[in-house]
Protein backbone atom coordinates (compact mmCIF):
# COMPACT_ATOMS: atom_id res chain seq x y z
CA UNK A 1 22.49 -144.13 -140.78
CA UNK A 2 24.60 -144.94 -137.79
CA UNK A 3 23.76 -143.47 -134.46
CA UNK A 4 25.87 -141.01 -132.51
CA UNK A 5 28.07 -143.03 -130.19
CA UNK A 6 31.38 -143.26 -128.43
CA UNK A 7 34.09 -145.23 -130.23
CA UNK A 8 37.23 -146.83 -128.87
CA UNK A 9 39.31 -144.39 -126.86
CA UNK A 10 36.09 -142.48 -126.11
CA UNK A 11 36.01 -140.72 -129.51
CA UNK A 12 32.60 -139.36 -130.48
CA UNK A 13 31.28 -140.54 -133.84
CA UNK A 14 28.32 -139.67 -136.09
CA UNK A 15 28.05 -140.92 -139.67
CA UNK A 16 25.42 -141.09 -142.37
CA UNK A 17 25.21 -143.12 -145.57
CA UNK A 18 22.88 -141.27 -147.94
CA UNK A 19 21.43 -143.39 -150.74
CA UNK A 20 23.25 -142.74 -153.98
CA UNK A 21 25.87 -140.52 -152.36
CA UNK A 22 29.39 -141.12 -151.05
CA UNK A 23 29.61 -142.13 -147.42
CA UNK A 24 30.81 -139.42 -145.07
CA UNK A 25 31.55 -139.07 -141.39
CA UNK A 26 31.22 -136.15 -139.02
CA UNK A 27 34.04 -136.22 -136.49
CA UNK A 28 34.11 -134.31 -133.26
CA UNK A 29 37.35 -133.63 -131.46
CA UNK A 30 37.81 -135.49 -128.15
CA UNK A 31 38.19 -132.07 -126.49
CA UNK A 32 34.53 -131.41 -127.41
CA UNK A 33 33.22 -134.76 -126.10
CA UNK A 34 31.76 -133.21 -122.96
CA UNK A 35 29.94 -130.59 -125.04
CA UNK A 36 28.45 -133.29 -127.28
CA UNK A 37 27.37 -135.26 -124.23
CA UNK A 38 25.82 -132.10 -122.73
CA UNK A 39 23.83 -131.61 -125.95
CA UNK A 40 22.56 -135.20 -125.86
CA UNK A 41 21.72 -134.92 -122.16
CA UNK A 42 19.75 -131.74 -122.88
CA UNK A 43 17.77 -133.46 -125.66
CA UNK A 44 17.31 -136.88 -123.98
CA UNK A 45 17.64 -136.38 -120.21
CA UNK A 46 15.55 -139.45 -119.37
CA UNK A 47 18.00 -141.75 -121.17
CA UNK A 48 20.85 -140.76 -118.86
CA UNK A 49 18.72 -141.37 -115.78
CA UNK A 50 18.31 -144.98 -116.88
CA UNK A 51 21.96 -145.39 -117.92
CA UNK A 52 24.80 -142.93 -117.25
CA UNK A 53 26.76 -144.49 -120.16
CA UNK A 54 23.94 -143.83 -122.62
CA UNK A 55 26.26 -142.51 -125.35
CA UNK A 56 27.73 -146.02 -125.72
CA UNK A 57 24.36 -147.55 -126.71
CA UNK A 58 24.39 -146.28 -130.33
CA UNK A 59 20.67 -145.53 -130.29
CA UNK A 60 20.35 -141.82 -131.15
CA UNK A 61 20.81 -139.85 -134.33
CA UNK A 62 22.12 -136.32 -134.06
CA UNK A 63 22.07 -133.78 -136.83
CA UNK A 64 25.61 -132.35 -136.79
CA UNK A 65 24.29 -129.02 -138.07
CA UNK A 66 21.87 -128.75 -135.14
CA UNK A 67 24.71 -129.66 -132.78
CA UNK A 68 26.82 -126.87 -134.28
CA UNK A 69 23.89 -124.45 -134.03
CA UNK A 70 23.43 -125.37 -130.35
CA UNK A 71 27.10 -124.77 -129.61
CA UNK A 72 29.10 -123.03 -132.38
CA UNK A 73 32.38 -123.62 -130.55
CA UNK A 74 32.21 -127.39 -131.20
CA UNK A 75 34.66 -128.33 -133.93
CA UNK A 76 33.00 -130.74 -136.41
CA UNK A 77 34.99 -132.15 -139.31
CA UNK A 78 33.30 -133.78 -142.30
CA UNK A 79 35.18 -136.66 -143.96
CA UNK A 80 34.05 -138.07 -147.32
CA UNK A 81 34.79 -141.65 -148.38
């Protein structure tokens, strides 16, 4: 598993590598970046107190389905490799 994080050009990224399965990525549109960050801040508020750039640390795992449940307007695309 690879933690939710911000890639180059501030793109949000979440990906999982399930044993015995193809690798796939969940991609979130840059226009939804603030919504993703709001979700993470709601779940881990103490982390942002310590570091306002917490999303760059690659230390949290986010279930994309819970993210979508929290805010159905977030566009999440699943890519399979």
